[in-house]
């Protein structure tokens, strides 16, 4: 599978995660019990992390072969990302 195809899959999965996060946000607003709201808040926070990582990965895949300065070396990737 080509990197651009992989990036498209990441983007599609990100959209699903975003939809689920919106559903949980609605449930959080409607929740009557403090404990339920708290648990939903934690799940939403976890989804935010997944969404951000998925977006970042898709971007890196989309731009992996971009020429970053014309020196002919491999593209720069954020080495801090685990």
N, C-alpha and C. Protein backbone atom coordinates (compact mmCIF):
# COMPACT_ATOMS: atom_id res chain seq x y z
N UNK A 1 0.85 -1.17 0.00
CA UNK A 1 0.00 0.00 0.00
C UNK A 1 0.90 1.24 0.00
N UNK A 2 0.59 2.19 -0.85
CA UNK A 2 1.36 3.42 -0.95
C UNK A 2 1.13 4.30 0.28
N UNK A 3 2.10 5.14 0.57
CA UNK A 3 2.00 6.01 1.74
C UNK A 3 0.79 6.93 1.66
N UNK A 4 0.50 7.44 0.48
CA UNK A 4 -0.67 8.32 0.33
C UNK A 4 -1.97 7.56 0.61
N UNK A 5 -2.03 6.29 0.22
CA UNK A 5 -3.21 5.48 0.53
C UNK A 5 -3.32 5.26 2.03
N UNK A 6 -2.19 5.02 2.67
CA UNK A 6 -2.20 4.86 4.12
C UNK A 6 -2.68 6.15 4.79
N UNK A 7 -2.24 7.28 4.28
CA UNK A 7 -2.66 8.57 4.82
C UNK A 7 -4.17 8.75 4.68
N UNK A 8 -4.71 8.33 3.55
CA UNK A 8 -6.16 8.42 3.35
C UNK A 8 -6.91 7.57 4.37
N UNK A 9 -6.37 6.40 4.67
CA UNK A 9 -6.98 5.55 5.68
C UNK A 9 -6.94 6.20 7.05
N UNK A 10 -5.81 6.81 7.37
CA UNK A 10 -5.71 7.53 8.64
C UNK A 10 -6.74 8.66 8.70
N UNK A 11 -6.89 9.39 7.61
CA UNK A 11 -7.87 10.50 7.56
C UNK A 11 -9.30 9.97 7.75
N UNK A 12 -9.61 8.86 7.10
CA UNK A 12 -10.95 8.27 7.23
C UNK A 12 -11.19 7.81 8.67
N UNK A 13 -10.20 7.18 9.27
CA UNK A 13 -10.34 6.73 10.66
C UNK A 13 -10.43 7.91 11.61
N UNK A 14 -9.72 8.99 11.29
CA UNK A 14 -9.80 10.19 12.12
C UNK A 14 -11.22 10.74 12.11
N UNK A 15 -11.85 10.73 10.95
CA UNK A 15 -13.23 11.22 10.85
C UNK A 15 -14.16 10.39 11.73
N UNK A 16 -13.93 9.07 11.78
CA UNK A 16 -14.75 8.21 12.64
C UNK A 16 -14.51 8.52 14.11
N UNK A 17 -13.27 8.75 14.47
CA UNK A 17 -12.95 9.10 15.85
C UNK A 17 -13.59 10.45 16.24
N UNK A 18 -13.56 11.39 15.31
CA UNK A 18 -14.17 12.69 15.57
C UNK A 18 -15.68 12.56 15.76
N UNK A 19 -16.30 11.73 14.95
CA UNK A 19 -17.74 11.49 15.10
C UNK A 19 -18.05 10.89 16.47
N UNK A 20 -17.26 9.91 16.86
CA UNK A 20 -17.47 9.28 18.17
C UNK A 20 -17.27 10.30 19.31
N UNK A 21 -16.29 11.17 19.16
CA UNK A 21 -16.05 12.18 20.18
C UNK A 21 -17.26 13.11 20.30
N UNK A 22 -17.84 13.49 19.18
CA UNK A 22 -19.03 14.36 19.21
C UNK A 22 -20.20 13.65 19.89
N UNK A 23 -20.35 12.35 19.63
CA UNK A 23 -21.41 11.58 20.28
C UNK A 23 -21.21 11.55 21.79
N UNK A 24 -19.97 11.37 22.21
CA UNK A 24 -19.68 11.33 23.64
C UNK A 24 -19.88 12.71 24.28
N UNK A 25 -19.58 13.77 23.54
CA UNK A 25 -19.80 15.12 24.07
C UNK A 25 -21.28 15.38 24.31
N UNK A 26 -22.12 14.90 23.39
CA UNK A 26 -23.56 15.03 23.56
C UNK A 26 -24.00 14.23 24.79
N UNK A 27 -23.50 13.02 24.90
CA UNK A 27 -23.84 12.18 26.06
C UNK A 27 -23.38 12.83 27.36
N UNK A 28 -22.22 13.47 27.33
CA UNK A 28 -21.70 14.13 28.52
C UNK A 28 -22.62 15.29 28.95
N UNK A 29 -23.07 16.06 27.97
CA UNK A 29 -23.97 17.18 28.30
C UNK A 29 -25.29 16.69 28.87
N UNK A 30 -25.74 15.53 28.42
CA UNK A 30 -27.03 14.99 28.86
C UNK A 30 -26.93 14.17 30.15
N UNK A 31 -25.75 13.79 30.51
CA UNK A 31 -25.57 12.93 31.69
C UNK A 31 -26.01 13.64 32.96
N UNK A 32 -26.68 12.91 33.80
CA UNK A 32 -27.19 13.48 35.04
C UNK A 32 -26.25 13.24 36.22
N UNK A 33 -25.49 12.18 36.16
CA UNK A 33 -24.63 11.81 37.28
C UNK A 33 -23.22 12.33 37.06
N UNK A 34 -22.67 12.85 38.13
CA UNK A 34 -21.32 13.42 38.07
C UNK A 34 -20.29 12.38 37.64
N UNK A 35 -20.40 11.17 38.14
CA UNK A 35 -19.45 10.10 37.81
C UNK A 35 -19.50 9.77 36.31
N UNK A 36 -20.68 9.74 35.74
CA UNK A 36 -20.83 9.46 34.31
C UNK A 36 -20.20 10.58 33.49
N UNK A 37 -20.46 11.83 33.87
CA UNK A 37 -19.85 12.96 33.16
C UNK A 37 -18.33 12.89 33.24
N UNK A 38 -17.82 12.54 34.41
CA UNK A 38 -16.37 12.44 34.61
C UNK A 38 -15.76 11.36 33.71
N UNK A 39 -16.40 10.20 33.66
CA UNK A 39 -15.89 9.11 32.81
C UNK A 39 -15.95 9.47 31.33
N UNK A 40 -17.02 10.12 30.93
CA UNK A 40 -17.14 10.55 29.54
C UNK A 40 -16.08 11.60 29.20
N UNK A 41 -15.82 12.49 30.14
CA UNK A 41 -14.78 13.50 29.93
C UNK A 41 -13.43 12.83 29.71
N UNK A 42 -13.11 11.80 30.48
CA UNK A 42 -11.85 11.08 30.31
C UNK A 42 -11.78 10.38 28.96
N UNK A 43 -12.88 9.76 28.55
CA UNK A 43 -12.91 9.09 27.25
C UNK A 43 -12.73 10.08 26.12
N UNK A 44 -13.37 11.25 26.25
CA UNK A 44 -13.24 12.30 25.24
C UNK A 44 -11.79 12.77 25.16
N UNK A 45 -11.15 12.93 26.31
CA UNK A 45 -9.75 13.35 26.33
C UNK A 45 -8.85 12.34 25.64
N UNK A 46 -9.11 11.07 25.89
CA UNK A 46 -8.33 10.00 25.24
C UNK A 46 -8.54 10.04 23.73
N UNK A 47 -9.78 10.25 23.29
CA UNK A 47 -10.05 10.33 21.85
C UNK A 47 -9.35 11.53 21.23
N UNK A 48 -9.27 12.64 21.95
CA UNK A 48 -8.56 13.81 21.42
C UNK A 48 -7.10 13.47 21.13
N UNK A 49 -6.48 12.73 22.03
CA UNK A 49 -5.09 12.32 21.83
C UNK A 49 -4.99 11.44 20.58
N UNK A 50 -5.89 10.47 20.45
CA UNK A 50 -5.88 9.59 19.28
C UNK A 50 -6.09 10.37 17.99
N UNK A 51 -7.01 11.33 18.02
CA UNK A 51 -7.30 12.14 16.84
C UNK A 51 -6.08 12.96 16.45
N UNK A 52 -5.45 13.59 17.42
CA UNK A 52 -4.26 14.39 17.11
C UNK A 52 -3.13 13.53 16.57
N UNK A 53 -2.91 12.38 17.14
CA UNK A 53 -1.85 11.49 16.65
C UNK A 53 -2.17 10.98 15.25
N UNK A 54 -3.44 10.69 15.00
CA UNK A 54 -3.85 10.21 13.68
C UNK A 54 -3.66 11.30 12.62
N UNK A 55 -4.02 12.52 12.96
CA UNK A 55 -3.82 13.64 12.02
C UNK A 55 -2.33 13.83 11.73
N UNK A 56 -1.54 13.78 12.76
CA UNK A 56 -0.10 13.97 12.62
C UNK A 56 0.50 12.87 11.74
N UNK A 57 0.09 11.64 11.97
CA UNK A 57 0.60 10.51 11.18
C UNK A 57 0.18 10.65 9.72
N UNK A 58 -1.08 11.03 9.49
CA UNK A 58 -1.55 11.22 8.11
C UNK A 58 -0.73 12.30 7.42
N UNK A 59 -0.46 13.39 8.11
CA UNK A 59 0.33 14.47 7.52
C UNK A 59 1.73 13.98 7.16
N UNK A 60 2.36 13.27 8.08
CA UNK A 60 3.71 12.76 7.82
C UNK A 60 3.72 11.80 6.63
N UNK A 61 2.71 10.95 6.54
CA UNK A 61 2.63 10.02 5.42
C UNK A 61 2.42 10.76 4.10
N UNK A 62 1.58 11.78 4.13
CA UNK A 62 1.30 12.55 2.91
C UNK A 62 2.53 13.31 2.42
N UNK A 63 3.38 13.70 3.33
CA UNK A 63 4.51 14.56 2.97
C UNK A 63 5.85 13.86 3.12
N UNK A 64 5.83 12.57 3.24
CA UNK A 64 7.07 11.82 3.48
C UNK A 64 8.12 12.06 2.40
N UNK A 65 7.68 12.13 1.15
CA UNK A 65 8.62 12.27 0.05
C UNK A 65 8.83 13.71 -0.40
N UNK A 66 8.25 14.65 0.31
CA UNK A 66 8.46 16.05 -0.05
C UNK A 66 9.93 16.40 0.06
N UNK A 67 10.38 17.21 -0.86
CA UNK A 67 11.79 17.66 -0.83
C UNK A 67 11.88 18.79 0.19
N UNK A 68 12.64 18.57 1.23
CA UNK A 68 12.74 19.54 2.33
C UNK A 68 14.05 20.31 2.28
N UNK A 69 14.27 21.04 1.22
CA UNK A 69 15.45 21.87 1.17
C UNK A 69 16.32 21.59 -0.03
N UNK A 70 15.99 20.60 -0.81
CA UNK A 70 16.70 20.35 -2.05
C UNK A 70 18.09 19.78 -1.90
N UNK A 71 18.42 19.20 -0.76
CA UNK A 71 19.77 18.66 -0.58
C UNK A 71 19.89 17.21 -1.01
N UNK A 72 18.77 16.62 -1.41
CA UNK A 72 18.82 15.24 -1.90
C UNK A 72 18.83 14.19 -0.80
N UNK A 73 18.77 14.60 0.44
CA UNK A 73 18.75 13.65 1.55
C UNK A 73 17.33 13.27 1.89
N UNK A 74 17.21 12.28 2.74
CA UNK A 74 15.89 11.84 3.15
C UNK A 74 15.14 12.99 3.81
N UNK A 75 13.82 12.95 3.74
CA UNK A 75 13.03 14.03 4.34
C UNK A 75 13.17 14.03 5.85
N UNK A 76 13.04 15.21 6.41
CA UNK A 76 13.10 15.38 7.85
C UNK A 76 11.80 14.89 8.46
N UNK A 77 11.88 14.04 9.45
CA UNK A 77 10.72 13.62 10.22
C UNK A 77 10.95 14.02 11.66
N UNK A 78 9.89 14.36 12.34
CA UNK A 78 9.99 14.75 13.73
C UNK A 78 10.44 13.55 14.55
N UNK A 79 11.67 13.56 14.96
CA UNK A 79 12.26 12.42 15.69
C UNK A 79 11.72 12.32 17.12
N UNK A 80 11.07 13.38 17.59
CA UNK A 80 10.50 13.34 18.94
C UNK A 80 9.26 12.45 19.00
N UNK A 81 8.58 12.32 17.87
CA UNK A 81 7.36 11.49 17.84
C UNK A 81 7.75 10.04 18.05
N UNK A 82 7.00 9.38 18.90
CA UNK A 82 7.34 8.02 19.24
C UNK A 82 6.69 7.06 18.38
